[in-house]
PDB file of N, CA and C in Angstrom:
ATOM      1  N   MET A   1       0.998  -1.072  -0.247  1.00  0.00           N
ATOM      2  CA  MET A   1      -0.032  -0.049   0.128  1.00  0.00           C
ATOM      3  C   MET A   1       1.041   1.670  -0.180  1.00  0.00           C
ATOM      4  N   ASN A   2       0.574   2.145  -0.837  1.00  0.00           N
ATOM      5  CA  ASN A   2       1.242   3.374  -1.146  1.00  0.00           C
ATOM      6  C   ASN A   2       0.368   4.402  -0.977  1.00  0.00           C
ATOM      7  N   PHE A   3       1.073   5.458  -0.415  1.00  0.00           N
ATOM      8  CA  PHE A   3       0.045   6.589  -0.232  1.00  0.00           C
ATOM      9  C   PHE A   3       0.616   8.076  -1.035  1.00  0.00           C
ATOM     10  N   LEU A   4       1.783   7.618  -1.409  1.00  0.00           N
ATOM     11  CA  LEU A   4       2.138   8.835  -2.901  1.00  0.00           C
ATOM     12  C   LEU A   4       1.137   9.965  -3.328  1.00  0.00           C
ATOM     13  N   TYR A   5       0.532   9.018  -4.314  1.00  0.00           N
ATOM     14  CA  TYR A   5      -0.638   9.791  -4.928  1.00  0.00           C
ATOM     15  C   TYR A   5      -1.638  10.690  -3.816  1.00  0.00           C
ATOM     16  N   LEU A   6      -1.851  10.085  -3.159  1.00  0.00           N
ATOM     17  CA  LEU A   6      -3.006  10.526  -1.974  1.00  0.00           C
ATOM     18  C   LEU A   6      -2.272  11.411  -1.480  1.00  0.00           C
ATOM     19  N   GLY A   7      -1.254  11.378  -0.924  1.00  0.00           N
ATOM     20  CA  GLY A   7      -0.399  12.571   0.055  1.00  0.00           C
ATOM     21  C   GLY A   7       0.140  13.523  -1.068  1.00  0.00           C
ATOM     22  N   GLY A   8       0.126  13.566  -2.299  1.00  0.00           N
ATOM     23  CA  GLY A   8       0.328  14.345  -3.289  1.00  0.00           C
ATOM     24  C   GLY A   8      -1.134  15.711  -3.329  1.00  0.00           C
ATOM     25  N   LEU A   9      -1.866  14.597  -3.340  1.00  0.00           N
ATOM     26  CA  LEU A   9      -3.456  15.111  -3.340  1.00  0.00           C
ATOM     27  C   LEU A   9      -3.519  16.215  -2.517  1.00  0.00           C
ATOM     28  N   LEU A  10      -3.844  15.368  -1.322  1.00  0.00           N
ATOM     29  CA  LEU A  10      -3.739  16.135   0.165  1.00  0.00           C
ATOM     30  C   LEU A  10      -2.717  17.411  -0.119  1.00  0.00           C
ATOM     31  N   VAL A  11      -1.474  17.345  -0.173  1.00  0.00           N
ATOM     32  CA  VAL A  11      -0.497  19.157  -0.070  1.00  0.00           C
ATOM     33  C   VAL A  11      -1.295  19.987  -1.366  1.00  0.00           C
ATOM     34  N   SER A  12      -1.570  19.379  -2.401  1.00  0.00           N
ATOM     35  CA  SER A  12      -2.144  20.295  -3.282  1.00  0.00           C
ATOM     36  C   SER A  12      -3.499  20.887  -2.962  1.00  0.00           C
ATOM     37  N   ILE A  13      -4.416  20.187  -2.515  1.00  0.00           N
ATOM     38  CA  ILE A  13      -5.392  20.915  -1.991  1.00  0.00           C
ATOM     39  C   ILE A  13      -5.390  21.363  -0.621  1.00  0.00           C
ATOM     40  N   THR A  14      -4.138  21.233  -0.012  1.00  0.00           N
ATOM     41  CA  THR A  14      -4.088  22.249   1.031  1.00  0.00           C
ATOM     42  C   THR A  14      -3.058  23.683   0.405  1.00  0.00           C
ATOM     43  N   GLY A  15      -2.704  23.370  -0.803  1.00  0.00           N
ATOM     44  CA  GLY A  15      -2.358  24.678  -1.406  1.00  0.00           C
ATOM     45  C   GLY A  15      -3.535  25.345  -1.656  1.00  0.00           C
ATOM     46  N   MET A  16      -4.474  25.124  -2.073  1.00  0.00           N
ATOM     47  CA  MET A  16      -6.039  25.622  -2.642  1.00  0.00           C
ATOM     48  C   MET A  16      -6.240  26.495  -1.424  1.00  0.00           C
ATOM     49  N   ILE A  17      -6.542  25.675  -0.203  1.00  0.00           N
ATOM     50  CA  ILE A  17      -6.986  26.292   0.812  1.00  0.00           C
ATOM     51  C   ILE A  17      -6.440  27.501   1.292  1.00  0.00           C
ATOM     52  N   VAL A  18      -5.030  27.401   1.567  1.00  0.00           N
ATOM     53  CA  VAL A  18      -3.528  28.590   1.246  1.00  0.00           C
ATOM     54  C   VAL A  18      -4.343  29.757   0.861  1.00  0.00           C
ATOM     55  N   LEU A  19      -4.273  29.358  -0.411  1.00  0.00           N
ATOM     56  CA  LEU A  19      -4.651  30.344  -1.567  1.00  0.00           C
ATOM     57  C   LEU A  19      -5.587  30.990  -1.389  1.00  0.00           C
ATOM     58  N   ASP A  20      -7.199  29.971  -1.472  1.00  0.00           N
ATOM     59  CA  ASP A  20      -8.281  30.847  -0.731  1.00  0.00           C
ATOM     60  C   ASP A  20      -8.232  31.835   0.324  1.00  0.00           C
ATOM     61  N   ARG A  21      -7.703  31.063   1.675  1.00  0.00           N
ATOM     62  CA  ARG A  21      -7.910  32.214   2.801  1.00  0.00           C
ATOM     63  C   ARG A  21      -6.986  33.197   2.397  1.00  0.00           C
ATOM     64  N   ARG A  22      -5.763  33.204   1.442  1.00  0.00           N
ATOM     65  CA  ARG A  22      -4.658  34.222   1.557  1.00  0.00           C
ATOM     66  C   ARG A  22      -5.658  35.347   0.628  1.00  0.00           C
ATOM     67  N   PHE A  23      -6.338  35.311  -0.311  1.00  0.00           N
ATOM     68  CA  PHE A  23      -6.754  35.874  -1.340  1.00  0.00           C
ATOM     69  C   PHE A  23      -8.531  35.831  -0.977  1.00  0.00           C
ATOM     70  N   ARG A  24      -9.030  35.292  -0.479  1.00  0.00           N
ATOM     71  CA  ARG A  24     -10.281  35.360  -0.400  1.00  0.00           C
ATOM     72  C   ARG A  24     -10.972  34.786  -1.416  1.00  0.00           C
ATOM     73  N   LEU A  25     -10.685  33.417  -1.999  1.00  0.00           N
ATOM     74  CA  LEU A  25     -11.085  33.467  -3.526  1.00  0.00           C
ATOM     75  C   LEU A  25     -12.349  32.801  -3.647  1.00  0.00           C
ATOM     76  N   PHE A  26     -12.749  31.711  -2.536  1.00  0.00           N
ATOM     77  CA  PHE A  26     -13.715  30.708  -2.716  1.00  0.00           C
ATOM     78  C   PHE A  26     -14.677  30.669  -1.565  1.00  0.00           C
ATOM     79  N   PHE A  27     -14.091  29.836  -0.604  1.00  0.00           N
ATOM     80  CA  PHE A  27     -14.674  29.314   0.999  1.00  0.00           C
ATOM     81  C   PHE A  27     -14.783  30.893   1.685  1.00  0.00           C
ATOM     82  N   TRP A  28     -13.672  31.359   1.257  1.00  0.00           N
ATOM     83  CA  TRP A  28     -13.230  33.045   1.985  1.00  0.00           C
ATOM     84  C   TRP A  28     -13.958  33.633   1.728  1.00  0.00           C
ATOM     85  N   LEU A  29     -14.177  34.016   0.801  1.00  0.00           N
ATOM     86  CA  LEU A  29     -14.957  34.764  -0.039  1.00  0.00           C
ATOM     87  C   LEU A  29     -16.602  34.711   0.042  1.00  0.00           C
ATOM     88  N   ASP A  30     -17.583  33.721   0.564  1.00  0.00           N
ATOM     89  CA  ASP A  30     -18.709  33.042   0.397  1.00  0.00           C
ATOM     90  C   ASP A  30     -19.066  31.405   0.894  1.00  0.00           C
ATOM     91  N   ALA A  31     -18.765  31.028   2.211  1.00  0.00           N
ATOM     92  CA  ALA A  31     -18.728  30.327   2.194  1.00  0.00           C
ATOM     93  C   ALA A  31     -20.175  29.113   2.028  1.00  0.00           C
ATOM     94  N   ARG A  32     -21.115  29.526   1.910  1.00  0.00           N
ATOM     95  CA  ARG A  32     -22.714  29.067   1.769  1.00  0.00           C
ATOM     96  C   ARG A  32     -22.144  28.925   0.206  1.00  0.00           C
ATOM     97  N   ARG A  33     -22.465  29.941  -0.529  1.00  0.00           N
ATOM     98  CA  ARG A  33     -22.228  29.868  -2.037  1.00  0.00           C
ATOM     99  C   ARG A  33     -21.273  28.669  -2.261  1.00  0.00           C
ATOM    100  N   ALA A  34     -19.894  28.821  -1.624  1.00  0.00           N
ATOM    101  CA  ALA A  34     -19.022  27.820  -2.263  1.00  0.00           C
ATOM    102  C   ALA A  34     -19.183  26.303  -1.924  1.00  0.00           C
ATOM    103  N   SER A  35     -19.542  26.032  -0.487  1.00  0.00           N
ATOM    104  CA  SER A  35     -19.961  24.729  -0.636  1.00  0.00           C
ATOM    105  C   SER A  35     -21.609  24.630  -1.308  1.00  0.00           C
ATOM    106  N   ILE A  36     -21.996  25.089  -1.520  1.00  0.00           N
ATOM    107  CA  ILE A  36     -23.275  24.124  -2.681  1.00  0.00           C
ATOM    108  C   ILE A  36     -22.059  23.918  -4.121  1.00  0.00           C
ATOM    109  N   VAL A  37     -21.615  25.065  -4.635  1.00  0.00           N
ATOM    110  CA  VAL A  37     -21.018  24.813  -5.842  1.00  0.00           C
ATOM    111  C   VAL A  37     -20.149  23.532  -5.698  1.00  0.00           C
ATOM    112  N   MET A  38     -19.448  23.595  -4.422  1.00  0.00           N
ATOM    113  CA  MET A  38     -18.684  22.280  -4.313  1.00  0.00           C
ATOM    114  C   MET A  38     -18.853  20.589  -4.446  1.00  0.00           C
ATOM    115  N   VAL A  39     -20.351  20.999  -3.594  1.00  0.00           N
ATOM    116  CA  VAL A  39     -21.146  19.685  -3.365  1.00  0.00           C
ATOM    117  C   VAL A  39     -21.911  19.466  -4.815  1.00  0.00           C
ATOM    118  N   VAL A  40     -22.189  20.387  -5.647  1.00  0.00           N
ATOM    119  CA  VAL A  40     -22.734  20.259  -6.935  1.00  0.00           C
ATOM    120  C   VAL A  40     -22.004  19.821  -8.098  1.00  0.00           C
ATOM    121  N   GLY A  41     -20.777  20.519  -7.827  1.00  0.00           N
ATOM    122  CA  GLY A  41     -19.317  19.982  -8.956  1.00  0.00           C
ATOM    123  C   GLY A  41     -19.135  18.274  -8.335  1.00  0.00           C
ATOM    124  N   LEU A  42     -18.858  18.152  -7.352  1.00  0.00           N
ATOM    125  CA  LEU A  42     -18.819  16.700  -7.148  1.00  0.00           C
ATOM    126  C   LEU A  42     -19.596  15.727  -7.041  1.00  0.00           C
ATOM    127  N   ALA A  43     -20.718  16.199  -6.670  1.00  0.00           N
ATOM    128  CA  ALA A  43     -21.590  15.236  -7.279  1.00  0.00           C
ATOM    129  C   ALA A  43     -21.624  14.988  -9.203  1.00  0.00           C
ATOM    130  N   PHE A  44     -22.108  15.802  -9.467  1.00  0.00           N
ATOM    131  CA  PHE A  44     -21.794  15.432 -11.017  1.00  0.00           C
ATOM    132  C   PHE A  44     -20.475  14.604 -11.809  1.00  0.00           C
ATOM    133  N   PHE A  45     -19.247  15.110 -11.090  1.00  0.00           N
ATOM    134  CA  PHE A  45     -18.115  14.441 -11.221  1.00  0.00           C
ATOM    135  C   PHE A  45     -18.734  12.882 -10.950  1.00  0.00           C
ATOM    136  N   PHE A  46     -19.083  12.884  -9.582  1.00  0.00           N
ATOM    137  CA  PHE A  46     -18.915  11.347  -9.182  1.00  0.00           C
ATOM    138  C   PHE A  46     -19.976  10.522 -10.147  1.00  0.00           C
ATOM    139  N   ILE A  47     -20.998  11.169 -10.644  1.00  0.00           N
ATOM    140  CA  ILE A  47     -22.001  10.567 -11.137  1.00  0.00           C
ATOM    141  C   ILE A  47     -21.023  10.439 -12.520  1.00  0.00           C
ATOM    142  N   TRP A  48     -20.295  11.447 -12.940  1.00  0.00           N
ATOM    143  CA  TRP A  48     -19.881  11.164 -14.433  1.00  0.00           C
ATOM    144  C   TRP A  48     -18.805   9.470 -14.534  1.00  0.00           C
ATOM    145  N   ASP A  49     -18.307   9.046 -13.287  1.00  0.00           N
ATOM    146  CA  ASP A  49     -17.158   8.408 -12.964  1.00  0.00           C
ATOM    147  C   ASP A  49     -18.004   7.342 -13.014  1.00  0.00           C
ATOM    148  N   ALA A  50     -19.236   7.335 -12.286  1.00  0.00           N
ATOM    149  CA  ALA A  50     -19.570   5.837 -12.401  1.00  0.00           C
ATOM    150  C   ALA A  50     -20.499   5.578 -13.251  1.00  0.00           C
ATOM    151  N   VAL A  51     -21.000   6.678 -14.002  1.00  0.00           N
ATOM    152  CA  VAL A  51     -21.411   6.296 -15.509  1.00  0.00           C
ATOM    153  C   VAL A  51     -20.659   5.842 -16.068  1.00  0.00           C
ATOM    154  N   GLY A  52     -19.140   6.519 -16.387  1.00  0.00           N
ATOM    155  CA  GLY A  52     -18.187   6.060 -17.387  1.00  0.00           C
ATOM    156  C   GLY A  52     -17.599   4.546 -17.127  1.00  0.00           C
ATOM    157  N   VAL A  53     -17.557   4.261 -15.497  1.00  0.00           N
ATOM    158  CA  VAL A  53     -16.894   3.033 -15.215  1.00  0.00           C
ATOM    159  C   VAL A  53     -18.230   2.077 -15.741  1.00  0.00           C
ATOM    160  N   ALA A  54     -19.290   2.310 -15.161  1.00  0.00           N
ATOM    161  CA  ALA A  54     -20.516   1.124 -15.455  1.00  0.00           C
ATOM    162  C   ALA A  54     -20.705   1.013 -16.863  1.00  0.00           C
ATOM    163  N   GLU A  55     -20.213   1.836 -18.215  1.00  0.00           N
ATOM    164  CA  GLU A  55     -19.958   1.977 -19.321  1.00  0.00           C
ATOM    165  C   GLU A  55     -18.913   1.205 -20.277  1.00  0.00           C
ATOM    166  N   HIS A  56     -17.691   1.131 -19.280  1.00  0.00           N
ATOM    167  CA  HIS A  56     -16.899   0.521 -19.761  1.00  0.00           C
ATOM    168  C   HIS A  56     -15.945   1.565 -20.650  1.00  0.00           C
ATOM    169  N   ILE A  57     -16.260   2.669 -20.544  1.00  0.00           N
ATOM    170  CA  ILE A  57     -15.365   3.660 -20.815  1.00  0.00           C
ATOM    171  C   ILE A  57     -13.953   4.198 -20.029  1.00  0.00           C
ATOM    172  N   PHE A  58     -14.331   3.948 -19.016  1.00  0.00           N
ATOM    173  CA  PHE A  58     -13.415   4.236 -17.905  1.00  0.00           C
ATOM    174  C   PHE A  58     -12.849   2.430 -17.118  1.00  0.00           C
ATOM    175  N   PHE A  59     -11.666   2.833 -17.185  1.00  0.00           N
ATOM    176  CA  PHE A  59     -11.030   1.765 -16.763  1.00  0.00           C
ATOM    177  C   PHE A  59      -9.605   1.504 -15.565  1.00  0.00           C
ATOM    178  N   PRO A  60     -10.412   1.104 -14.273  1.00  0.00           N
ATOM    179  CA  PRO A  60      -9.413   1.211 -13.423  1.00  0.00           C
ATOM    180  C   PRO A  60      -8.203   0.861 -13.351  1.00  0.00           C
ATOM    181  N   GLY A  61      -7.446   1.908 -13.529  1.00  0.00           N
ATOM    182  CA  GLY A  61      -5.417   1.287 -13.567  1.00  0.00           C
ATOM    183  C   GLY A  61      -4.970   1.060 -11.896  1.00  0.00           C
ATOM    184  N   THR A  62      -4.169  -0.051 -12.051  1.00  0.00           N
ATOM    185  CA  THR A  62      -3.085   0.039 -10.869  1.00  0.00           C
ATOM    186  C   THR A  62      -2.074   0.469 -10.682  1.00  0.00           C
ATOM    187  N   SER A  63      -1.846   1.181 -10.014  1.00  0.00           N
ATOM    188  CA  SER A  63      -0.777   2.009  -9.933  1.00  0.00           C
ATOM    189  C   SER A  63       0.223   2.059  -8.396  1.00  0.00           C
ATOM    190  N   PRO A  64       1.411   1.823  -8.652  1.00  0.00           N
ATOM    191  CA  PRO A  64       2.190   1.425  -7.394  1.00  0.00           C
ATOM    192  C   PRO A  64       2.416   2.840  -6.885  1.00  0.00           C
ATOM    193  N   VAL A  65       1.691   3.876  -7.141  1.00  0.00           N
ATOM    194  CA  VAL A  65       1.397   4.814  -6.104  1.00  0.00           C
ATOM    195  C   VAL A  65      -0.231   5.145  -5.182  1.00  0.00           C
ATOM    196  N   ASP A  66      -0.649   4.258  -5.813  1.00  0.00           N
ATOM    197  CA  ASP A  66      -2.065   4.420  -5.274  1.00  0.00           C
ATOM    198  C   ASP A  66      -2.163   3.420  -3.858  1.00  0.00           C
ATOM    199  N   THR A  67      -3.403   3.828  -3.341  1.00  0.00           N
ATOM    200  CA  THR A  67      -3.402   2.683  -1.483  1.00  0.00           C
ATOM    201  C   THR A  67      -3.749   1.743  -2.207  1.00  0.00           C
ATOM    202  N   GLY A  68      -5.148   1.528  -3.396  1.00  0.00           N
ATOM    203  CA  GLY A  68      -5.348   0.590  -3.756  1.00  0.00           C
ATOM    204  C   GLY A  68      -6.829  -0.015  -3.054  1.00  0.00           C
ATOM    205  N   TRP A  69      -7.154   1.057  -2.492  1.00  0.00           N
ATOM    206  CA  TRP A  69      -8.486   1.261  -1.465  1.00  0.00           C
ATOM    207  C   TRP A  69      -9.162   1.723  -2.634  1.00  0.00           C
ATOM    208  N   MET A  70     -10.596   0.857  -2.848  1.00  0.00           N
ATOM    209  CA  MET A  70     -11.451   1.450  -3.831  1.00  0.00           C
ATOM    210  C   MET A  70     -12.990   1.572  -3.103  1.00  0.00           C
ATOM    211  N   LEU A  71     -13.455   2.933  -3.111  1.00  0.00           N
ATOM    212  CA  LEU A  71     -14.690   3.103  -3.064  1.00  0.00           C
ATOM    213  C   LEU A  71     -15.813   2.432  -3.391  1.00  0.00           C
ATOM    214  N   ALA A  72     -15.948   2.235  -5.046  1.00  0.00           N
ATOM    215  CA  ALA A  72     -17.068   1.387  -5.299  1.00  0.00           C
ATOM    216  C   ALA A  72     -16.171   0.577  -6.404  1.00  0.00           C
ATOM    217  N   PRO A  73     -16.472  -0.724  -7.262  1.00  0.00           N
ATOM    218  CA  PRO A  73     -16.100  -1.318  -8.277  1.00  0.00           C
ATOM    219  C   PRO A  73     -15.057   0.052  -9.197  1.00  0.00           C
ATOM    220  N   GLY A  74     -13.849   0.062  -9.383  1.00  0.00           N
ATOM    221  CA  GLY A  74     -13.429   0.863 -10.909  1.00  0.00           C
ATOM    222  C   GLY A  74     -13.505   2.445 -10.204  1.00  0.00           C
ATOM    223  N   ILE A  75     -13.169   2.689  -8.726  1.00  0.00           N
ATOM    224  CA  ILE A  75     -13.415   4.031  -8.538  1.00  0.00           C
ATOM    225  C   ILE A  75     -12.618   4.340  -7.262  1.00  0.00           C
ATOM    226  N   PRO A  76     -11.504   4.318  -7.300  1.00  0.00           N
ATOM    227  CA  PRO A  76     -10.756   4.288  -6.101  1.00  0.00           C
ATOM    228  C   PRO A  76     -10.761   5.315  -5.449  1.00  0.00           C
ATOM    229  N   VAL A  77     -10.411   5.346  -4.269  1.00  0.00           N
ATOM    230  CA  VAL A  77     -10.559   6.604  -2.685  1.00  0.00           C
ATOM    231  C   VAL A  77      -9.909   7.796  -3.425  1.00  0.00           C
ATOM    232  N   GLU A  78      -8.555   7.518  -4.196  1.00  0.00           N
ATOM    233  CA  GLU A  78      -8.375   8.733  -4.004  1.00  0.00           C
ATOM    234  C   GLU A  78      -8.911   9.920  -5.541  1.00  0.00           C
ATOM    235  N   GLU A  79      -9.896   8.999  -5.834  1.00  0.00           N
ATOM    236  CA  GLU A  79     -10.944   9.808  -6.373  1.00  0.00           C
ATOM    237  C   GLU A  79     -11.505  11.104  -5.889  1.00  0.00           C
ATOM    238  N   VAL A  80     -11.814  10.727  -4.631  1.00  0.00           N
ATOM    239  CA  VAL A  80     -12.819  11.818  -3.791  1.00  0.00           C
ATOM    240  C   VAL A  80     -11.508  12.855  -3.688  1.00  0.00           C
ATOM    241  N   PHE A  81     -10.467  13.108  -3.511  1.00  0.00           N
ATOM    242  CA  PHE A  81      -9.443  13.689  -3.555  1.00  0.00           C
ATOM    243  C   PHE A  81      -9.265  14.758  -4.606  1.00  0.00           C
ATOM    244  N   PHE A  82      -8.907  13.672  -5.904  1.00  0.00           N
ATOM    245  CA  PHE A  82      -8.509  14.526  -6.943  1.00  0.00           C
ATOM    246  C   PHE A  82      -9.729  15.055  -7.832  1.00  0.00           C
ATOM    247  N   LEU A  83     -11.197  14.834  -7.195  1.00  0.00           N
ATOM    248  CA  LEU A  83     -12.316  15.386  -7.482  1.00  0.00           C
ATOM    249  C   LEU A  83     -12.730  16.761  -6.798  1.00  0.00           C
ATOM    250  N   THR A  84     -12.205  16.919  -5.477  1.00  0.00           N
ATOM    251  CA  THR A  84     -12.017  17.666  -4.858  1.00  0.00           C
ATOM    252  C   THR A  84     -10.894  18.715  -5.181  1.00  0.00           C
ATOM    253  N   LEU A  85     -10.004  18.237  -5.390  1.00  0.00           N
ATOM    254  CA  LEU A  85      -8.685  19.134  -6.184  1.00  0.00           C
ATOM    255  C   LEU A  85      -9.265  20.131  -7.318  1.00  0.00           C
ATOM    256  N   LEU A  86     -10.161  18.771  -8.179  1.00  0.00           N
ATOM    257  CA  LEU A  86     -10.228  19.772  -9.521  1.00  0.00           C
ATOM    258  C   LEU A  86     -10.917  20.693  -9.460  1.00  0.00           C
ATOM    259  N   CYS A  87     -12.725  20.874  -8.747  1.00  0.00           N
ATOM    260  CA  CYS A  87     -13.438  21.505  -8.338  1.00  0.00           C
ATOM    261  C   CYS A  87     -12.596  22.763  -8.021  1.00  0.00           C
ATOM    262  N   TYR A  88     -11.947  22.632  -6.815  1.00  0.00           N
ATOM    263  CA  TYR A  88     -11.656  23.657  -5.886  1.00  0.00           C
ATOM    264  C   TYR A  88     -10.864  24.736  -6.810  1.00  0.00           C
ATOM    265  N   LEU A  89      -9.740  23.877  -7.815  1.00  0.00           N
ATOM    266  CA  LEU A  89      -8.664  24.280  -8.884  1.00  0.00           C
ATOM    267  C   LEU A  89      -9.621  25.397  -9.767  1.00  0.00           C
ATOM    268  N   THR A  90     -10.509  25.013  -9.576  1.00  0.00           N
ATOM    269  CA  THR A  90     -11.699  25.449 -10.873  1.00  0.00           C
ATOM    270  C   THR A  90     -12.549  26.839 -10.414  1.00  0.00           C
ATOM    271  N   MET A  91     -12.442  26.534  -9.131  1.00  0.00           N
ATOM    272  CA  MET A  91     -13.230  27.922  -8.321  1.00  0.00           C
ATOM    273  C   MET A  91     -12.050  28.843  -8.233  1.00  0.00           C
ATOM    274  N   ASN A  92     -11.261  28.486  -7.660  1.00  0.00           N
ATOM    275  CA  ASN A  92     -10.289  29.443  -7.374  1.00  0.00           C
ATOM    276  C   ASN A  92      -9.615  30.145  -8.639  1.00  0.00           C
ATOM    277  N   LEU A  93      -9.396  29.594  -9.869  1.00  0.00           N
ATOM    278  CA  LEU A  93      -9.064  29.973 -10.644  1.00  0.00           C
ATOM    279  C   LEU A  93     -10.248  30.750 -11.441  1.00  0.00           C
ATOM    280  N   TYR A  94     -11.096  30.537 -11.806  1.00  0.00           N
ATOM    281  CA  TYR A  94     -12.294  31.487 -12.247  1.00  0.00           C
ATOM    282  C   TYR A  94     -12.641  32.715 -11.386  1.00  0.00           C
ATOM    283  N   GLU A  95     -12.372  32.715  -9.839  1.00  0.00           N
ATOM    284  CA  GLU A  95     -12.076  33.859  -8.959  1.00  0.00           C
ATOM    285  C   GLU A  95     -11.142  34.688  -9.178  1.00  0.00           C
ATOM    286  N   VAL A  96      -9.974  34.212  -9.505  1.00  0.00           N
ATOM    287  CA  VAL A  96      -8.496  34.848  -9.875  1.00  0.00           C
ATOM    288  C   VAL A  96      -8.882  35.763 -11.305  1.00  0.00           C
ATOM    289  N   VAL A  97      -9.468  34.777 -12.105  1.00  0.00           N
ATOM    290  CA  VAL A  97      -9.364  35.296 -13.807  1.00  0.00           C
ATOM    291  C   VAL A  97     -10.577  36.826 -13.818  1.00  0.00           C
ATOM    292  N   SER A  98     -11.804  36.185 -13.012  1.00  0.00           N
ATOM    293  CA  SER A  98     -12.612  37.532 -12.999  1.00  0.00           C
ATOM    294  C   SER A  98     -12.286  38.676 -12.069  1.00  0.00           C
ATOM    295  N   ARG A  99     -11.350  38.282 -11.631  1.00  0.00           N
ATOM    296  CA  ARG A  99     -10.713  39.445 -10.872  1.00  0.00           C
ATOM    297  C   ARG A  99      -9.953  40.300 -11.611  1.00  0.00           C
ATOM    298  N   VAL A 100      -8.903  39.380 -12.718  1.00  0.00           N
ATOM    299  CA  VAL A 100      -8.203  40.339 -13.310  1.00  0.00           C
ATOM    300  C   VAL A 100      -8.695  41.134 -14.408  1.00  0.00           C
ATOM    301  N   VAL A 101      -9.835  40.230 -15.381  1.00  0.00           N
ATOM    302  CA  VAL A 101     -10.642  40.871 -16.201  1.00  0.00           C
ATOM    303  C   VAL A 101     -11.212  42.215 -15.541  1.00  0.00           C
ATOM    304  N   ASN A 102     -12.283  42.344 -14.860  1.00  0.00           N
ATOM    305  CA  ASN A 102     -12.878  43.180 -13.853  1.00  0.00           C
ATOM    306  C   ASN A 102     -11.553  44.335 -13.774  1.00  0.00           C
ATOM    307  N   HIS A 103     -10.680  44.109 -13.340  1.00  0.00           N
ATOM    308  CA  HIS A 103      -9.489  44.982 -13.286  1.00  0.00           C
ATOM    309  C   HIS A 103      -8.826  45.647 -14.393  1.00  0.00           C
ATOM    310  N   PHE A 104      -8.885  44.930 -15.403  1.00  0.00           N
ATOM    311  CA  PHE A 104      -8.557  45.343 -16.785  1.00  0.00           C
ATOM    312  C   PHE A 104     -10.531  46.525 -17.354  1.00  0.00           C
ATOM    313  N   TYR A 105     -10.851  45.914 -17.324  1.00  0.00           N
ATOM    314  CA  TYR A 105     -12.150  46.712 -17.646  1.00  0.00           C
ATOM    315  C   TYR A 105     -12.187  48.313 -16.721  1.00  0.00           C
ATOM    316  N   ARG A 106     -12.413  48.241 -15.604  1.00  0.00           N
ATOM    317  CA  ARG A 106     -12.257  49.082 -14.455  1.00  0.00           C
ATOM    318  C   ARG A 106     -11.096  50.681 -15.205  1.00  0.00           C
ATOM    319  N   GLU A 107      -9.998  49.782 -15.415  1.00  0.00           N
ATOM    320  CA  GLU A 107      -8.511  50.512 -15.787  1.00  0.00           C
ATOM    321  C   GLU A 107      -8.932  51.280 -17.461  1.00  0.00           C
ATOM    322  N   ALA A 108      -9.905  50.109 -18.198  1.00  0.00           N
ATOM    323  CA  ALA A 108      -9.720  50.923 -19.471  1.00  0.00           C
ATOM    324  C   ALA A 108     -10.885  51.809 -19.728  1.00  0.00           C
ATOM    325  N   GLY A 109     -11.768  52.057 -18.658  1.00  0.00           N
ATOM    326  CA  GLY A 109     -12.599  52.674 -18.516  1.00  0.00           C
ATOM    327  C   GLY A 109     -12.364  54.262 -17.951  1.00  0.00           C
ATOM    328  N   LYS A 110     -11.659  54.406 -17.636  1.00  0.00           N
ATOM    329  CA  LYS A 110     -10.763  55.468 -17.065  1.00  0.00           C
ATOM    330  C   LYS A 110     -10.520  56.219 -17.905  1.00  0.00           C
TER     331      LYS A 110
END
């Protein structure tokens, strides 16, 4: 059993939390809205994964860096953390891009 991939995901999620807190990007901007968006995003991607596995579009692979723990057939426990990172990164990036674009529009209007 190896925790390398899971550890990398946890470190990356911690980085997202630090950036979020420092710049008030997602949860620190509006925790209620962020929680709703995160739950909806995770639900969407879990359903996507389940359908993909059921339809034999996604195939579980074995890797020496995985724990080997499975949530369901074809869905490793690391998937929860990967999808959390994916959603968190997307929302932090969305907020950063929105701020940059708004800044340039304000500057262009002066």
